[in-house]
C-alpha atoms as a PDB file:
ATOM      1  CA  MET A   1     107.767  99.559 115.958  1.00  0.00           C
ATOM      2  CA  LYS A   2     110.692  97.861 114.237  1.00  0.00           C
ATOM      3  CA  SER A   3     114.129  97.907 115.890  1.00  0.00           C
ATOM      4  CA  ILE A   4     117.782  97.842 114.790  1.00  0.00           C
ATOM      5  CA  ILE A   5     120.619  96.070 116.609  1.00  0.00           C
ATOM      6  CA  ILE A   6     123.668  98.045 117.717  1.00  0.00           C
ATOM      7  CA  GLY A   7     126.033  96.094 119.941  1.00  0.00           C
ATOM      8  CA  ASP A   8     123.912  94.598 122.715  1.00  0.00           C
ATOM      9  CA  ARG A   9     121.066  97.120 122.286  1.00  0.00           C
ATOM     10  CA  ASN A  10     117.886  97.261 120.233  1.00  0.00           C
ATOM     11  CA  VAL A  11     117.225 100.770 118.957  1.00  0.00           C
ATOM     12  CA  ILE A  12     113.942 101.938 117.423  1.00  0.00           C
ATOM     13  CA  PRO A  13     114.430 104.480 114.596  1.00  0.00           C
ATOM     14  CA  SER A  14     111.649 107.027 114.213  1.00  0.00           C
ATOM     15  CA  LYS A  15     112.536 107.306 110.508  1.00  0.00           C
ATOM     16  CA  ILE A  16     115.054 106.421 107.829  1.00  0.00           C
ATOM     17  CA  ILE A  17     116.507 109.345 105.886  1.00  0.00           C
ATOM     18  CA  CYS A  18     117.752 108.441 102.415  1.00  0.00           C
ATOM     19  CA  ILE A  19     120.049 110.400 100.117  1.00  0.00           C
ATOM     20  CA  GLY A  20     119.434 109.873  96.417  1.00  0.00           C
ATOM     21  CA  ARG A  21     121.862 110.384  93.522  1.00  0.00           C
ATOM     22  CA  ASN A  22     124.941 110.596  95.745  1.00  0.00           C
ATOM     23  CA  TYR A  23     127.339 108.699  93.436  1.00  0.00           C
ATOM     24  CA  VAL A  24     128.046 110.092  89.972  1.00  0.00           C
ATOM     25  CA  GLU A  25     128.368 106.696  88.260  1.00  0.00           C
ATOM     26  CA  HIS A  26     124.988 105.563  89.634  1.00  0.00           C
ATOM     27  CA  ILE A  27     123.375 108.752  88.325  1.00  0.00           C
ATOM     28  CA  THR A  28     124.793 107.900  84.893  1.00  0.00           C
ATOM     29  CA  GLU A  29     123.715 104.259  85.257  1.00  0.00           C
ATOM     30  CA  LEU A  30     120.056 105.270  85.658  1.00  0.00           C
ATOM     31  CA  GLN A  31     120.324 108.058  83.079  1.00  0.00           C
ATOM     32  CA  ASN A  32     119.424 110.737  85.613  1.00  0.00           C
ATOM     33  CA  GLU A  33     120.682 114.298  85.810  1.00  0.00           C
ATOM     34  CA  VAL A  34     123.141 115.396  88.494  1.00  0.00           C
ATOM     35  CA  PRO A  35     120.918 117.353  90.904  1.00  0.00           C
ATOM     36  CA  ASP A  36     121.684 120.923  91.938  1.00  0.00           C
ATOM     37  CA  ASP A  37     120.666 120.170  95.531  1.00  0.00           C
ATOM     38  CA  MET A  38     120.863 117.140  97.795  1.00  0.00           C
ATOM     39  CA  VAL A  39     118.072 114.637  97.051  1.00  0.00           C
ATOM     40  CA  VAL A  40     116.378 113.555 100.282  1.00  0.00           C
ATOM     41  CA  PHE A  41     113.497 111.139 100.814  1.00  0.00           C
ATOM     42  CA  LEU A  42     112.207 109.172 103.804  1.00  0.00           C
ATOM     43  CA  LYS A  43     111.256 105.625 104.649  1.00  0.00           C
ATOM     44  CA  PRO A  44     109.049 104.992 107.690  1.00  0.00           C
ATOM     45  CA  ASN A  45     109.883 102.661 110.550  1.00  0.00           C
ATOM     46  CA  SER A  46     107.417 100.176 109.038  1.00  0.00           C
ATOM     47  CA  ALA A  47     109.724  99.766 106.002  1.00  0.00           C
ATOM     48  CA  ILE A  48     112.304  97.899 108.129  1.00  0.00           C
ATOM     49  CA  SER A  49     112.442  94.135 107.626  1.00  0.00           C
ATOM     50  CA  GLU A  50     114.736  91.203 108.314  1.00  0.00           C
ATOM     51  CA  GLU A  51     113.539  89.349 105.197  1.00  0.00           C
ATOM     52  CA  LEU A  52     114.676  90.043 101.642  1.00  0.00           C
ATOM     53  CA  VAL A  53     111.645  89.635  99.379  1.00  0.00           C
ATOM     54  CA  SER A  54     112.243  89.382  95.631  1.00  0.00           C
ATOM     55  CA  PHE A  55     108.742  90.324  94.455  1.00  0.00           C
ATOM     56  CA  HIS A  56     106.334  92.887  95.872  1.00  0.00           C
ATOM     57  CA  GLN A  57     103.669  93.621  93.239  1.00  0.00           C
ATOM     58  CA  GLU A  58     106.590  93.836  90.794  1.00  0.00           C
ATOM     59  CA  GLN A  59     110.274  92.905  90.609  1.00  0.00           C
ATOM     60  CA  ILE A  60     112.428  94.568  93.255  1.00  0.00           C
ATOM     61  CA  HIS A  61     115.817  96.203  92.692  1.00  0.00           C
ATOM     62  CA  TYR A  62     118.563  96.194  95.328  1.00  0.00           C
ATOM     63  CA  GLU A  63     120.704  99.198  96.260  1.00  0.00           C
ATOM     64  CA  GLY A  64     123.546  98.556  98.719  1.00  0.00           C
ATOM     65  CA  GLU A  65     124.436 101.480 100.982  1.00  0.00           C
ATOM     66  CA  LEU A  66     126.592 102.687 103.847  1.00  0.00           C
ATOM     67  CA  CYS A  67     124.245 103.546 106.708  1.00  0.00           C
ATOM     68  CA  PHE A  68     124.763 105.634 109.836  1.00  0.00           C
ATOM     69  CA  MET A  69     122.807 105.746 113.079  1.00  0.00           C
ATOM     70  CA  TYR A  70     122.214 109.133 114.684  1.00  0.00           C
ATOM     71  CA  GLU A  71     122.544 109.428 118.469  1.00  0.00           C
ATOM     72  CA  ASN A  72     123.629 112.196 120.826  1.00  0.00           C
ATOM     73  CA  SER A  73     123.829 114.830 118.062  1.00  0.00           C
ATOM     74  CA  ARG A  74     126.190 112.828 115.838  1.00  0.00           C
ATOM     75  CA  PHE A  75     126.502 109.705 113.733  1.00  0.00           C
ATOM     76  CA  SER A  76     127.437 107.177 116.396  1.00  0.00           C
ATOM     77  CA  ALA A  77     127.343 103.864 114.524  1.00  0.00           C
ATOM     78  CA  ILE A  78     127.640 102.396 111.038  1.00  0.00           C
ATOM     79  CA  GLY A  79     126.113  99.429 109.265  1.00  0.00           C
ATOM     80  CA  PHE A  80     125.268  97.960 105.873  1.00  0.00           C
ATOM     81  CA  GLY A  81     121.811  98.407 104.401  1.00  0.00           C
ATOM     82  CA  LEU A  82     119.719  97.572 101.354  1.00  0.00           C
ATOM     83  CA  ASP A  83     117.402 100.204  99.928  1.00  0.00           C
ATOM     84  CA  LEU A  84     114.890  98.126  97.978  1.00  0.00           C
ATOM     85  CA  THR A  85     113.113  99.813  95.090  1.00  0.00           C
ATOM     86  CA  LYS A  86     110.201  99.127  92.788  1.00  0.00           C
ATOM     87  CA  ARG A  87     112.139 100.419  89.793  1.00  0.00           C
ATOM     88  CA  GLN A  88     109.376 100.229  87.200  1.00  0.00           C
ATOM     89  CA  LEU A  89     106.978 102.087  89.482  1.00  0.00           C
ATOM     90  CA  GLN A  90     109.656 104.626  90.405  1.00  0.00           C
ATOM     91  CA  SER A  91     110.305 105.338  86.730  1.00  0.00           C
ATOM     92  CA  THR A  92     106.584 105.879  86.131  1.00  0.00           C
ATOM     93  CA  LEU A  93     106.300 108.231  89.116  1.00  0.00           C
ATOM     94  CA  LYS A  94     109.380 110.223  88.089  1.00  0.00           C
ATOM     95  CA  HIS A  95     108.054 110.569  84.523  1.00  0.00           C
ATOM     96  CA  LYS A  96     104.825 112.029  85.926  1.00  0.00           C
ATOM     97  CA  GLY A  97     106.692 114.319  88.341  1.00  0.00           C
ATOM     98  CA  LEU A  98     105.197 112.545  91.360  1.00  0.00           C
ATOM     99  CA  PRO A  99     106.836 111.573  94.692  1.00  0.00           C
ATOM    100  CA  TRP A 100     108.665 108.249  94.990  1.00  0.00           C
ATOM    101  CA  GLU A 101     107.207 106.903  98.249  1.00  0.00           C
ATOM    102  CA  ARG A 102     105.124 104.171  96.628  1.00  0.00           C
ATOM    103  CA  ALA A 103     108.321 102.804  95.071  1.00  0.00           C
ATOM    104  CA  LYS A 104     110.656 103.393  98.015  1.00  0.00           C
ATOM    105  CA  ALA A 105     108.759 103.360 101.331  1.00  0.00           C
ATOM    106  CA  PHE A 106     106.731 100.145 101.102  1.00  0.00           C
ATOM    107  CA  ASP A 107     106.818  97.524 103.864  1.00  0.00           C
ATOM    108  CA  GLY A 108     110.041  95.510 103.667  1.00  0.00           C
ATOM    109  CA  SER A 109     111.947  98.097 101.617  1.00  0.00           C
ATOM    110  CA  ALA A 110     114.753  98.681 104.167  1.00  0.00           C
ATOM    111  CA  LEU A 111     117.088  95.927 105.397  1.00  0.00           C
ATOM    112  CA  PHE A 112     119.993  96.438 107.778  1.00  0.00           C
ATOM    113  CA  GLY A 113     122.783  94.393 109.244  1.00  0.00           C
ATOM    114  CA  ASP A 114     123.992  94.972 112.797  1.00  0.00           C
ATOM    115  CA  PHE A 115     125.388  98.431 113.461  1.00  0.00           C
ATOM    116  CA  VAL A 116     128.725  98.957 115.214  1.00  0.00           C
ATOM    117  CA  ALA A 117     129.769 102.001 117.225  1.00  0.00           C
ATOM    118  CA  ILE A 118     132.253 104.409 115.617  1.00  0.00           C
ATOM    119  CA  ALA A 119     134.304 107.201 117.119  1.00  0.00           C
ATOM    120  CA  ASP A 120     134.897 109.118 113.883  1.00  0.00           C
ATOM    121  CA  GLN A 121     132.228 109.549 111.201  1.00  0.00           C
ATOM    122  CA  ASP A 122     134.741 111.064 108.767  1.00  0.00           C
ATOM    123  CA  GLN A 123     136.971 108.022 108.216  1.00  0.00           C
ATOM    124  CA  ASN A 124     136.862 106.652 104.683  1.00  0.00           C
ATOM    125  CA  TYR A 125     134.431 103.852 105.417  1.00  0.00           C
ATOM    126  CA  SER A 126     133.630 101.577 102.498  1.00  0.00           C
ATOM    127  CA  PHE A 127     131.248  98.758 101.720  1.00  0.00           C
ATOM    128  CA  GLU A 128     130.960  95.807  99.367  1.00  0.00           C
ATOM    129  CA  LEU A 129     127.903  93.854  98.260  1.00  0.00           C
ATOM    130  CA  PHE A 130     128.203  90.324  96.897  1.00  0.00           C
ATOM    131  CA  ILE A 131     125.437  88.293  95.244  1.00  0.00           C
ATOM    132  CA  ASN A 132     126.133  84.566  95.169  1.00  0.00           C
ATOM    133  CA  ASP A 133     129.744  85.391  96.109  1.00  0.00           C
ATOM    134  CA  GLN A 134     130.204  87.747  93.126  1.00  0.00           C
ATOM    135  CA  LEU A 135     131.041  91.388  93.852  1.00  0.00           C
ATOM    136  CA  VAL A 136     128.284  93.602  92.397  1.00  0.00           C
ATOM    137  CA  GLN A 137     128.668  96.914  94.273  1.00  0.00           C
ATOM    138  CA  ALA A 138     131.458  98.754  96.053  1.00  0.00           C
ATOM    139  CA  GLY A 139     131.376 102.271  97.448  1.00  0.00           C
ATOM    140  CA  ASN A 140     133.100 104.540  99.903  1.00  0.00           C
ATOM    141  CA  ILE A 141     132.797 108.004 101.403  1.00  0.00           C
ATOM    142  CA  ASP A 142     135.422 109.476  99.053  1.00  0.00           C
ATOM    143  CA  LEU A 143     133.162 108.660  96.074  1.00  0.00           C
ATOM    144  CA  MET A 144     130.101 110.369  97.575  1.00  0.00           C
ATOM    145  CA  ILE A 145     129.022 113.742  96.228  1.00  0.00           C
ATOM    146  CA  HIS A 146     127.730 114.671  99.696  1.00  0.00           C
ATOM    147  CA  LYS A 147     129.812 113.418 102.638  1.00  0.00           C
ATOM    148  CA  PRO A 148     128.184 112.386 105.957  1.00  0.00           C
ATOM    149  CA  GLU A 149     129.070 115.602 107.824  1.00  0.00           C
ATOM    150  CA  GLN A 150     127.694 117.715 104.967  1.00  0.00           C
ATOM    151  CA  ILE A 151     124.527 115.614 104.883  1.00  0.00           C
ATOM    152  CA  LEU A 152     124.040 116.019 108.634  1.00  0.00           C
ATOM    153  CA  LYS A 153     124.398 119.788 108.408  1.00  0.00           C
ATOM    154  CA  GLU A 154     121.901 119.997 105.533  1.00  0.00           C
ATOM    155  CA  LEU A 155     119.347 117.761 107.277  1.00  0.00           C
ATOM    156  CA  ARG A 156     119.507 119.824 110.454  1.00  0.00           C
ATOM    157  CA  SER A 157     118.662 122.945 108.427  1.00  0.00           C
ATOM    158  CA  PHE A 158     115.095 121.742 107.905  1.00  0.00           C
ATOM    159  CA  MET A 159     114.437 118.545 109.902  1.00  0.00           C
ATOM    160  CA  SER A 160     114.590 117.364 113.511  1.00  0.00           C
ATOM    161  CA  LEU A 161     116.619 114.209 114.024  1.00  0.00           C
ATOM    162  CA  GLU A 162     115.815 111.774 116.828  1.00  0.00           C
ATOM    163  CA  ASP A 163     118.194 109.367 118.539  1.00  0.00           C
ATOM    164  CA  GLY A 164     118.122 106.095 116.630  1.00  0.00           C
ATOM    165  CA  ASP A 165     117.290 107.608 113.244  1.00  0.00           C
ATOM    166  CA  ILE A 166     119.129 106.009 110.336  1.00  0.00           C
ATOM    167  CA  LEU A 167     120.825 107.721 107.403  1.00  0.00           C
ATOM    168  CA  MET A 168     121.179 105.787 104.131  1.00  0.00           C
ATOM    169  CA  THR A 169     123.895 107.610 102.183  1.00  0.00           C
ATOM    170  CA  GLY A 170     123.092 106.516  98.636  1.00  0.00           C
ATOM    171  CA  THR A 171     124.157 103.738  96.313  1.00  0.00           C
ATOM    172  CA  PRO A 172     126.992 103.397  93.761  1.00  0.00           C
ATOM    173  CA  LYS A 173     126.698 101.775  90.337  1.00  0.00           C
ATOM    174  CA  GLY A 174     125.798  98.099  90.087  1.00  0.00           C
ATOM    175  CA  VAL A 175     122.144  98.046  91.144  1.00  0.00           C
ATOM    176  CA  GLY A 176     119.932  95.298  89.766  1.00  0.00           C
ATOM    177  CA  VAL A 177     117.098  92.823  90.233  1.00  0.00           C
ATOM    178  CA  VAL A 178     116.630  90.710  93.364  1.00  0.00           C
ATOM    179  CA  ASN A 179     116.148  87.084  92.271  1.00  0.00           C
ATOM    180  CA  LYS A 180     114.612  84.435  94.482  1.00  0.00           C
ATOM    181  CA  ASN A 181     117.169  82.269  96.330  1.00  0.00           C
ATOM    182  CA  ASP A 182     120.064  84.652  95.616  1.00  0.00           C
ATOM    183  CA  LYS A 183     122.505  85.038  98.504  1.00  0.00           C
ATOM    184  CA  PHE A 184     123.235  88.675  99.396  1.00  0.00           C
ATOM    185  CA  SER A 185     126.340  89.376 101.480  1.00  0.00           C
ATOM    186  CA  GLY A 186     127.158  92.921 102.579  1.00  0.00           C
ATOM    187  CA  ARG A 187     130.068  94.216 104.605  1.00  0.00           C
ATOM    188  CA  VAL A 188     131.424  97.516 105.908  1.00  0.00           C
ATOM    189  CA  MET A 189     135.153  98.126 106.124  1.00  0.00           C
ATOM    190  CA  VAL A 190     137.775 100.557 107.352  1.00  0.00           C
ATOM    191  CA  GLY A 191     140.725  99.994 105.069  1.00  0.00           C
ATOM    192  CA  ASN A 192     140.887  96.225 104.650  1.00  0.00           C
ATOM    193  CA  LYS A 193     139.318  95.504 108.041  1.00  0.00           C
ATOM    194  CA  ILE A 194     135.718  94.269 108.051  1.00  0.00           C
ATOM    195  CA  ILE A 195     133.872  95.865 110.969  1.00  0.00           C
ATOM    196  CA  THR A 196     130.382  94.467 110.355  1.00  0.00           C
ATOM    197  CA  SER A 197     128.769  92.106 107.861  1.00  0.00           C
ATOM    198  CA  VAL A 198     125.381  90.578 107.089  1.00  0.00           C
ATOM    199  CA  GLU A 199     123.833  87.948 104.827  1.00  0.00           C
ATOM    200  CA  TRP A 200     120.324  87.404 103.437  1.00  0.00           C
ATOM    201  CA  ILE A 201     118.767  84.783 101.167  1.00  0.00           C
ATOM    202  CA  ALA A 202     116.095  86.281  98.908  1.00  0.00           C
ATOM    203  CA  ARG A 203     112.731  84.594  99.075  1.00  0.00           C
END
């Protein structure tokens, strides 16, 4: 089982819960409709990787996201994550009305930086993603359609959460193709203070 680092601990998530279409401008970017209900899909533990791969049967798209770790009945830590997507395959599956797992839950489709403990899940946390030192994505809780506390309440209405599970809260506009040798730099902030950051080189 794959593990995630939080402080000086390694934590093994039983699953990764992802929220789709949680930023209005990203919905517009992909020409989707604003959903009536929260869009939820899962990635398995096996999706977690430390390597950013640019090609997996087809080109891969990046989606930078604020991520929370669930422990002791609350979101206890925050980190930066990449939700990697086979966009062409996803489009085909959506057109046919089929589930997205083949495009979203493949091995290596979830990358995370180190998580840091938080006392308050409701602060206006934000993130930035840079590719080759150019800002490509920026998001924060205020821009989310569904805020973390609302997401947690909805998830608990139909799903059991285990300590160590990870929530990926959705991506803002600016998604695109992962190119080999690109440098990806992600960071999470409170105000102007960086609280955790991570870097990958796509291979």
